[in-house]
Amino acid sequence: MGHAEGLLKQWNPPEMEYIWKKSNRHKHFDLSQFCNPLLTISDKALSILENILIKNGEILDIKSPKGFYFFHCTNIIDALIEKESDIVWLDKERGWVSCINKFVLDKNKIQEQTIFRLPNVNCRYTFYGEEFKNLVLKHHLQGIHFDRYETIIIK
């Protein structure tokens, strides 16, 4: 498939406010997936991951808070093996997916991919490869975990 059209042309940088619970002691983060499909990234994370991110999407400005950006993955890879995956369809004829409980991905289509998304899945699932994961762990970037609750099988 390749790269989808990005948001940059029509992007209007938002102002955001992060609201923390009183009990939350760890208010700092470098990466956050709460604005999915956009990944919120700090200046620190951007300086470490910029080369990987730019190859797979676009960096979008945020007016506030300062020191943060969004990453929008535009690398769309049609790697899902539908017949072997457990897909909950909104409308199968139109290809609209509600969720996927078990992913079976085509190894040949994803082996060179660092970051990618699947088509037709409401922008919910972004996949990060080992290079991304290793940089996050090596530099102790906070706020992201790599555990999935869905099953992922690579064939």
N, C-alpha and C. Protein backbone atom coordinates (compact mmCIF):
# COMPACT_ATOMS: atom_id res chain seq x y z
N MET A 1 0.83 -1.19 0.00
CA MET A 1 0.00 0.00 0.00
C MET A 1 0.87 1.25 0.00
N GLY A 2 1.69 1.43 1.03
CA GLY A 2 2.54 2.61 1.08
C GLY A 2 1.97 3.69 1.97
N HIS A 3 2.41 4.90 1.70
CA HIS A 3 2.04 6.02 2.57
C HIS A 3 0.72 6.64 2.17
N ALA A 4 -0.11 6.90 3.17
CA ALA A 4 -1.38 7.59 2.98
C ALA A 4 -1.14 9.09 3.04
N GLU A 5 -2.10 9.84 2.55
CA GLU A 5 -1.99 11.30 2.64
C GLU A 5 -2.02 11.70 4.10
N GLY A 6 -1.21 12.66 4.45
CA GLY A 6 -1.11 13.09 5.83
C GLY A 6 -2.10 14.19 6.18
N LEU A 7 -1.97 14.66 7.40
CA LEU A 7 -2.82 15.72 7.93
C LEU A 7 -2.19 17.10 7.82
N LEU A 8 -0.91 17.15 7.52
CA LEU A 8 -0.12 18.38 7.61
C LEU A 8 -0.72 19.55 6.83
N LYS A 9 -1.25 19.31 5.64
CA LYS A 9 -1.79 20.39 4.80
C LYS A 9 -2.95 21.12 5.48
N GLN A 10 -3.79 20.40 6.20
CA GLN A 10 -4.94 21.03 6.83
C GLN A 10 -4.80 21.14 8.36
N TRP A 11 -3.60 20.89 8.88
CA TRP A 11 -3.39 20.84 10.32
C TRP A 11 -3.44 22.23 10.93
N ASN A 12 -4.19 22.37 12.01
CA ASN A 12 -4.25 23.58 12.81
C ASN A 12 -3.81 23.18 14.21
N PRO A 13 -2.60 23.58 14.64
CA PRO A 13 -2.07 23.11 15.93
C PRO A 13 -3.02 23.40 17.10
N PRO A 14 -3.38 22.38 17.85
CA PRO A 14 -4.30 22.56 18.98
C PRO A 14 -3.58 23.04 20.24
N GLU A 15 -4.38 23.59 21.14
CA GLU A 15 -3.91 23.87 22.50
C GLU A 15 -4.54 22.80 23.37
N MET A 16 -3.69 22.16 24.17
CA MET A 16 -4.18 21.07 25.00
C MET A 16 -3.81 21.33 26.45
N GLU A 17 -4.58 20.75 27.33
CA GLU A 17 -4.28 20.82 28.75
C GLU A 17 -4.35 19.40 29.30
N TYR A 18 -3.30 19.01 29.97
CA TYR A 18 -3.29 17.69 30.59
C TYR A 18 -3.79 17.82 32.02
N ILE A 19 -4.77 17.03 32.37
CA ILE A 19 -5.36 17.08 33.70
C ILE A 19 -4.95 15.81 34.43
N TRP A 20 -4.36 16.00 35.60
CA TRP A 20 -3.83 14.88 36.37
C TRP A 20 -4.67 14.64 37.60
N LYS A 21 -4.81 13.38 37.96
CA LYS A 21 -5.46 13.06 39.23
C LYS A 21 -4.51 13.47 40.36
N LYS A 22 -5.07 13.83 41.49
CA LYS A 22 -4.24 14.24 42.63
C LYS A 22 -3.28 13.14 43.05
N SER A 23 -3.71 11.90 42.90
CA SER A 23 -2.87 10.78 43.35
C SER A 23 -1.76 10.44 42.36
N ASN A 24 -1.77 11.04 41.19
CA ASN A 24 -0.78 10.71 40.16
C ASN A 24 0.54 11.42 40.45
N ARG A 25 1.53 10.65 40.87
CA ARG A 25 2.84 11.22 41.20
C ARG A 25 3.72 11.40 39.97
N HIS A 26 3.47 10.61 38.94
CA HIS A 26 4.33 10.61 37.76
C HIS A 26 3.64 11.36 36.62
N LYS A 27 3.77 12.67 36.63
CA LYS A 27 3.08 13.49 35.64
C LYS A 27 3.89 13.67 34.37
N HIS A 28 5.12 13.24 34.36
CA HIS A 28 5.97 13.42 33.18
C HIS A 28 5.81 12.23 32.24
N PHE A 29 5.75 12.52 30.96
CA PHE A 29 5.77 11.45 29.96
C PHE A 29 6.50 11.96 28.73
N ASP A 30 7.07 11.02 28.00
CA ASP A 30 7.72 11.33 26.73
C ASP A 30 6.87 10.89 25.54
N LEU A 31 6.07 9.86 25.74
CA LEU A 31 5.23 9.29 24.69
C LEU A 31 3.87 8.95 25.28
N SER A 32 2.81 9.25 24.54
CA SER A 32 1.47 8.90 25.01
C SER A 32 0.61 8.52 23.81
N GLN A 33 -0.17 7.46 23.98
CA GLN A 33 -1.08 6.99 22.93
C GLN A 33 -2.53 7.38 23.22
N PHE A 34 -2.77 8.29 24.15
CA PHE A 34 -4.13 8.65 24.52
C PHE A 34 -4.86 9.44 23.44
N CYS A 35 -4.15 10.01 22.48
CA CYS A 35 -4.78 10.74 21.38
C CYS A 35 -4.74 9.91 20.09
N ASN A 36 -4.87 8.62 20.23
CA ASN A 36 -4.79 7.68 19.11
C ASN A 36 -5.69 8.12 17.96
N PRO A 37 -5.23 8.13 16.72
CA PRO A 37 -4.03 7.51 16.20
C PRO A 37 -2.78 8.37 16.31
N LEU A 38 -2.90 9.55 16.90
CA LEU A 38 -1.74 10.41 17.06
C LEU A 38 -0.96 10.00 18.30
N LEU A 39 0.35 9.93 18.16
CA LEU A 39 1.24 9.64 19.28
C LEU A 39 1.77 10.97 19.78
N THR A 40 1.52 11.31 21.05
CA THR A 40 2.06 12.53 21.63
C THR A 40 3.51 12.27 22.01
N ILE A 41 4.41 13.17 21.60
CA ILE A 41 5.84 12.98 21.84
C ILE A 41 6.46 14.24 22.41
N SER A 42 7.36 14.07 23.36
CA SER A 42 8.08 15.19 23.97
C SER A 42 9.26 15.59 23.10
N ASP A 43 9.84 16.76 23.40
CA ASP A 43 11.08 17.19 22.72
C ASP A 43 12.15 16.11 22.83
N LYS A 44 12.29 15.55 24.04
CA LYS A 44 13.30 14.52 24.26
C LYS A 44 13.07 13.31 23.35
N ALA A 45 11.83 12.83 23.30
CA ALA A 45 11.51 11.67 22.46
C ALA A 45 11.72 12.00 20.99
N LEU A 46 11.35 13.21 20.58
CA LEU A 46 11.52 13.60 19.18
C LEU A 46 13.00 13.61 18.80
N SER A 47 13.85 14.11 19.68
CA SER A 47 15.29 14.15 19.36
C SER A 47 15.86 12.74 19.20
N ILE A 48 15.32 11.78 19.89
CA ILE A 48 15.81 10.39 19.83
C ILE A 48 15.18 9.63 18.66
N LEU A 49 13.91 9.86 18.39
CA LEU A 49 13.15 9.04 17.44
C LEU A 49 12.89 9.72 16.10
N GLU A 50 13.34 10.94 15.92
CA GLU A 50 12.96 11.74 14.75
C GLU A 50 13.21 11.03 13.42
N ASN A 51 14.37 10.42 13.24
CA ASN A 51 14.67 9.75 11.97
C ASN A 51 13.68 8.64 11.65
N ILE A 52 13.34 7.86 12.64
CA ILE A 52 12.37 6.77 12.44
C ILE A 52 10.98 7.34 12.17
N LEU A 53 10.60 8.35 12.93
CA LEU A 53 9.26 8.92 12.79
C LEU A 53 9.05 9.54 11.42
N ILE A 54 10.01 10.33 10.96
CA ILE A 54 9.87 11.02 9.67
C ILE A 54 9.75 10.04 8.51
N LYS A 55 10.41 8.90 8.59
CA LYS A 55 10.31 7.89 7.53
C LYS A 55 8.92 7.25 7.46
N ASN A 56 8.19 7.31 8.55
CA ASN A 56 6.93 6.58 8.66
C ASN A 56 5.71 7.46 8.87
N GLY A 57 5.89 8.76 8.82
CA GLY A 57 4.75 9.64 9.03
C GLY A 57 5.16 11.09 9.09
N GLU A 58 4.41 11.86 9.86
CA GLU A 58 4.66 13.30 9.92
C GLU A 58 4.60 13.79 11.36
N ILE A 59 5.36 14.84 11.62
CA ILE A 59 5.39 15.48 12.94
C ILE A 59 4.46 16.69 12.86
N LEU A 60 3.53 16.79 13.80
CA LEU A 60 2.55 17.86 13.82
C LEU A 60 2.75 18.71 15.07
N ASP A 61 2.71 20.02 14.91
CA ASP A 61 2.90 20.94 16.04
C ASP A 61 1.69 20.94 16.97
N ILE A 62 1.96 21.26 18.23
CA ILE A 62 0.93 21.50 19.23
C ILE A 62 1.24 22.89 19.80
N LYS A 63 0.24 23.80 19.87
CA LYS A 63 0.49 25.14 20.41
C LYS A 63 0.89 25.08 21.88
N SER A 64 0.15 24.30 22.61
CA SER A 64 0.48 24.12 24.02
C SER A 64 -0.01 22.74 24.45
N PRO A 65 0.63 22.10 25.37
CA PRO A 65 1.79 22.59 26.10
C PRO A 65 3.04 22.61 25.21
N LYS A 66 3.91 23.55 25.50
CA LYS A 66 5.17 23.66 24.76
C LYS A 66 6.01 22.42 25.02
N GLY A 67 6.82 22.08 24.03
CA GLY A 67 7.71 20.94 24.20
C GLY A 67 7.11 19.60 23.81
N PHE A 68 5.92 19.63 23.19
CA PHE A 68 5.27 18.40 22.74
C PHE A 68 4.81 18.53 21.30
N TYR A 69 4.69 17.39 20.66
CA TYR A 69 4.26 17.30 19.26
C TYR A 69 3.37 16.07 19.13
N PHE A 70 2.74 15.95 17.98
CA PHE A 70 2.05 14.72 17.62
C PHE A 70 2.83 14.05 16.50
N PHE A 71 2.83 12.73 16.51
CA PHE A 71 3.31 11.96 15.37
C PHE A 71 2.10 11.28 14.75
N HIS A 72 1.94 11.44 13.44
CA HIS A 72 0.85 10.79 12.71
C HIS A 72 1.46 9.80 11.73
N CYS A 73 1.22 8.53 11.94
CA CYS A 73 1.75 7.47 11.07
C CYS A 73 0.97 7.45 9.76
N THR A 74 1.69 7.64 8.66
CA THR A 74 1.07 7.58 7.34
C THR A 74 1.49 6.33 6.57
N ASN A 75 2.28 5.48 7.20
CA ASN A 75 2.75 4.25 6.57
C ASN A 75 1.68 3.17 6.75
N ILE A 76 0.88 2.96 5.71
CA ILE A 76 -0.24 2.02 5.76
C ILE A 76 0.16 0.75 5.01
N ILE A 77 0.17 -0.37 5.72
CA ILE A 77 0.58 -1.65 5.15
C ILE A 77 -0.58 -2.64 5.26
N ASP A 78 -1.00 -3.19 4.15
CA ASP A 78 -2.10 -4.16 4.13
C ASP A 78 -1.53 -5.55 4.43
N ALA A 79 -1.20 -5.77 5.70
CA ALA A 79 -0.51 -7.00 6.11
C ALA A 79 -1.41 -7.98 6.86
N LEU A 80 -2.63 -7.59 7.13
CA LEU A 80 -3.53 -8.45 7.90
C LEU A 80 -4.02 -9.62 7.04
N ILE A 81 -3.87 -10.83 7.55
CA ILE A 81 -4.41 -12.02 6.89
C ILE A 81 -5.81 -12.22 7.48
N GLU A 82 -6.80 -11.69 6.78
CA GLU A 82 -8.17 -11.64 7.31
C GLU A 82 -8.74 -13.01 7.64
N LYS A 83 -8.52 -13.99 6.80
CA LYS A 83 -9.11 -15.32 7.00
C LYS A 83 -8.65 -15.98 8.29
N GLU A 84 -7.47 -15.62 8.77
CA GLU A 84 -6.92 -16.25 9.97
C GLU A 84 -7.03 -15.36 11.20
N SER A 85 -7.41 -14.10 11.01
CA SER A 85 -7.54 -13.16 12.12
C SER A 85 -8.95 -13.22 12.69
N ASP A 86 -9.10 -12.76 13.93
CA ASP A 86 -10.42 -12.67 14.57
C ASP A 86 -10.86 -11.21 14.51
N ILE A 87 -11.69 -10.90 13.50
CA ILE A 87 -12.10 -9.53 13.22
C ILE A 87 -13.57 -9.36 13.58
N VAL A 88 -13.89 -8.27 14.27
CA VAL A 88 -15.28 -7.89 14.52
C VAL A 88 -15.59 -6.77 13.51
N TRP A 89 -16.51 -7.05 12.60
CA TRP A 89 -16.82 -6.12 11.52
C TRP A 89 -17.95 -5.18 11.88
N LEU A 90 -17.82 -3.91 11.53
CA LEU A 90 -18.95 -2.98 11.56
C LEU A 90 -19.79 -3.20 10.31
N ASP A 91 -19.10 -3.29 9.17
CA ASP A 91 -19.74 -3.54 7.88
C ASP A 91 -18.72 -4.24 6.99
N LYS A 92 -18.84 -5.55 6.88
CA LYS A 92 -17.85 -6.33 6.14
C LYS A 92 -17.82 -5.96 4.66
N GLU A 93 -18.99 -5.71 4.07
CA GLU A 93 -19.04 -5.35 2.65
C GLU A 93 -18.25 -4.07 2.35
N ARG A 94 -18.30 -3.13 3.27
CA ARG A 94 -17.57 -1.87 3.08
C ARG A 94 -16.14 -1.94 3.62
N GLY A 95 -15.83 -3.02 4.32
CA GLY A 95 -14.49 -3.18 4.87
C GLY A 95 -14.27 -2.42 6.17
N TRP A 96 -15.34 -2.08 6.88
CA TRP A 96 -15.24 -1.32 8.12
C TRP A 96 -15.06 -2.27 9.30
N VAL A 97 -13.97 -2.10 10.01
CA VAL A 97 -13.62 -2.96 11.13
C VAL A 97 -13.93 -2.26 12.44
N SER A 98 -14.59 -2.96 13.36
CA SER A 98 -14.85 -2.44 14.70
C SER A 98 -13.63 -2.66 15.58
N CYS A 99 -13.17 -3.90 15.65
CA CYS A 99 -11.97 -4.23 16.42
C CYS A 99 -11.40 -5.56 15.92
N ILE A 100 -10.21 -5.83 16.35
CA ILE A 100 -9.55 -7.08 15.98
C ILE A 100 -9.07 -7.73 17.27
N ASN A 101 -9.57 -8.93 17.56
CA ASN A 101 -9.19 -9.64 18.77
C ASN A 101 -7.92 -10.47 18.59
N LYS A 102 -7.69 -10.92 17.37
CA LYS A 102 -6.47 -11.67 17.06
C LYS A 102 -5.97 -11.23 15.69
N PHE A 103 -4.74 -10.74 15.67
CA PHE A 103 -4.11 -10.32 14.42
C PHE A 103 -3.24 -11.45 13.90
N VAL A 104 -3.37 -11.75 12.62
CA VAL A 104 -2.41 -12.61 11.94
C VAL A 104 -1.85 -11.74 10.81
N LEU A 105 -0.55 -11.44 10.91
CA LEU A 105 0.09 -10.52 9.98
C LEU A 105 1.04 -11.25 9.05
N ASP A 106 1.12 -10.80 7.82
CA ASP A 106 1.99 -11.37 6.80
C ASP A 106 3.43 -10.89 7.04
N LYS A 107 4.28 -11.82 7.43
CA LYS A 107 5.68 -11.52 7.76
C LYS A 107 6.40 -10.83 6.60
N ASN A 108 6.14 -11.26 5.39
CA ASN A 108 6.82 -10.69 4.22
C ASN A 108 6.49 -9.21 4.01
N LYS A 109 5.29 -8.81 4.42
CA LYS A 109 4.88 -7.41 4.22
C LYS A 109 5.38 -6.48 5.32
N ILE A 110 5.70 -7.03 6.49
CA ILE A 110 6.08 -6.16 7.61
C ILE A 110 7.53 -6.27 8.05
N GLN A 111 8.29 -7.17 7.47
CA GLN A 111 9.64 -7.42 7.98
C GLN A 111 10.56 -6.21 7.93
N GLU A 112 10.39 -5.31 7.00
CA GLU A 112 11.23 -4.11 6.90
C GLU A 112 10.57 -2.88 7.51
N GLN A 113 9.42 -3.05 8.15
CA GLN A 113 8.66 -1.91 8.66
C GLN A 113 9.04 -1.59 10.10
N THR A 114 9.22 -0.30 10.37
CA THR A 114 9.53 0.15 11.72
C THR A 114 8.27 0.59 12.45
N ILE A 115 7.41 1.32 11.73
CA ILE A 115 6.13 1.79 12.27
C ILE A 115 5.12 1.69 11.13
N PHE A 116 3.94 1.13 11.41
CA PHE A 116 2.92 1.07 10.37
C PHE A 116 1.54 0.93 10.98
N ARG A 117 0.56 1.23 10.16
CA ARG A 117 -0.84 1.01 10.51
C ARG A 117 -1.48 0.13 9.45
N LEU A 118 -2.61 -0.44 9.79
CA LEU A 118 -3.39 -1.26 8.85
C LEU A 118 -4.51 -0.41 8.26
N PRO A 119 -4.91 -0.69 7.02
CA PRO A 119 -6.05 0.05 6.45
C PRO A 119 -7.36 -0.42 7.08
N ASN A 120 -8.36 0.43 7.02
CA ASN A 120 -9.75 0.09 7.39
C ASN A 120 -9.97 -0.29 8.85
N VAL A 121 -9.13 0.16 9.75
CA VAL A 121 -9.35 -0.22 11.16
C VAL A 121 -9.51 1.01 12.06
N ASN A 122 -10.18 2.02 11.56
CA ASN A 122 -10.52 3.21 12.36
C ASN A 122 -9.30 3.85 13.01
N CYS A 123 -8.15 3.70 12.42
CA CYS A 123 -6.92 4.32 12.94
C CYS A 123 -6.56 3.86 14.34
N ARG A 124 -7.10 2.75 14.79
CA ARG A 124 -6.90 2.33 16.17
C ARG A 124 -5.58 1.65 16.44
N TYR A 125 -5.03 1.00 15.45
CA TYR A 125 -3.87 0.16 15.71
C TYR A 125 -2.64 0.68 14.98
N THR A 126 -1.64 1.06 15.75
CA THR A 126 -0.34 1.42 15.20
C THR A 126 0.65 0.40 15.73
N PHE A 127 1.46 -0.14 14.85
CA PHE A 127 2.43 -1.17 15.22
C PHE A 127 3.83 -0.57 15.19
N TYR A 128 4.59 -0.86 16.25
CA TYR A 128 5.96 -0.35 16.39
C TYR A 128 6.91 -1.53 16.39
N GLY A 129 7.96 -1.44 15.56
CA GLY A 129 8.93 -2.51 15.43
C GLY A 129 10.00 -2.48 16.51
N GLU A 130 10.89 -3.44 16.43
CA GLU A 130 11.95 -3.60 17.43
C GLU A 130 12.89 -2.40 17.51
N GLU A 131 13.22 -1.78 16.38
CA GLU A 131 14.12 -0.62 16.41
C GLU A 131 13.53 0.51 17.25
N PHE A 132 12.24 0.79 17.05
CA PHE A 132 11.54 1.81 17.84
C PHE A 132 11.54 1.42 19.31
N LYS A 133 11.13 0.20 19.59
CA LYS A 133 11.05 -0.30 20.97
C LYS A 133 12.41 -0.22 21.66
N ASN A 134 13.46 -0.65 20.98
CA ASN A 134 14.79 -0.64 21.58
C ASN A 134 15.27 0.77 21.91
N LEU A 135 14.98 1.74 21.04
CA LEU A 135 15.36 3.13 21.32
C LEU A 135 14.59 3.68 22.52
N VAL A 136 13.30 3.38 22.59
CA VAL A 136 12.48 3.83 23.72
C VAL A 136 13.03 3.27 25.03
N LEU A 137 13.34 1.98 25.05
CA LEU A 137 13.85 1.35 26.26
C LEU A 137 15.26 1.82 26.60
N LYS A 138 16.12 1.93 25.61
CA LYS A 138 17.51 2.36 25.82
C LYS A 138 17.59 3.76 26.43
N HIS A 139 16.72 4.66 25.98
CA HIS A 139 16.75 6.04 26.45
C HIS A 139 15.75 6.31 27.57
N HIS A 140 15.14 5.26 28.08
CA HIS A 140 14.21 5.35 29.22
C HIS A 140 13.09 6.36 28.97
N LEU A 141 12.54 6.34 27.77
CA LEU A 141 11.42 7.22 27.47
C LEU A 141 10.19 6.72 28.22
N GLN A 142 9.48 7.64 28.85
CA GLN A 142 8.38 7.28 29.74
C GLN A 142 7.03 7.43 29.06
N GLY A 143 6.07 6.60 29.48
CA GLY A 143 4.69 6.78 29.09
C GLY A 143 4.14 5.79 28.08
N ILE A 144 4.94 4.89 27.58
CA ILE A 144 4.45 3.92 26.61
C ILE A 144 4.86 2.53 27.07
N HIS A 145 3.99 1.57 26.81
CA HIS A 145 4.33 0.18 27.10
C HIS A 145 4.10 -0.61 25.83
N PHE A 146 4.72 -1.75 25.76
CA PHE A 146 4.68 -2.54 24.53
C PHE A 146 3.90 -3.84 24.69
N ASP A 147 3.15 -3.97 25.75
CA ASP A 147 2.30 -5.14 25.94
C ASP A 147 1.00 -4.93 25.18
N ARG A 148 0.54 -5.95 24.49
CA ARG A 148 -0.74 -5.88 23.77
C ARG A 148 -1.71 -6.83 24.45
N TYR A 149 -2.95 -6.46 24.48
CA TYR A 149 -3.95 -7.39 25.01
C TYR A 149 -4.56 -8.22 23.90
N GLU A 150 -4.33 -7.82 22.64
CA GLU A 150 -4.76 -8.65 21.52
C GLU A 150 -3.65 -9.63 21.18
N THR A 151 -4.02 -10.75 20.60
CA THR A 151 -3.04 -11.73 20.14
C THR A 151 -2.50 -11.27 18.78
N ILE A 152 -1.18 -11.33 18.62
CA ILE A 152 -0.55 -11.00 17.35
C ILE A 152 0.30 -12.18 16.92
N ILE A 153 0.00 -12.71 15.75
CA ILE A 153 0.75 -13.82 15.18
C ILE A 153 1.34 -13.34 13.86
N ILE A 154 2.61 -13.59 13.67
CA ILE A 154 3.28 -13.20 12.42
C ILE A 154 3.62 -14.46 11.66
N LYS A 155 3.08 -14.57 10.44
CA LYS A 155 3.29 -15.77 9.61
C LYS A 155 4.02 -15.42 8.34
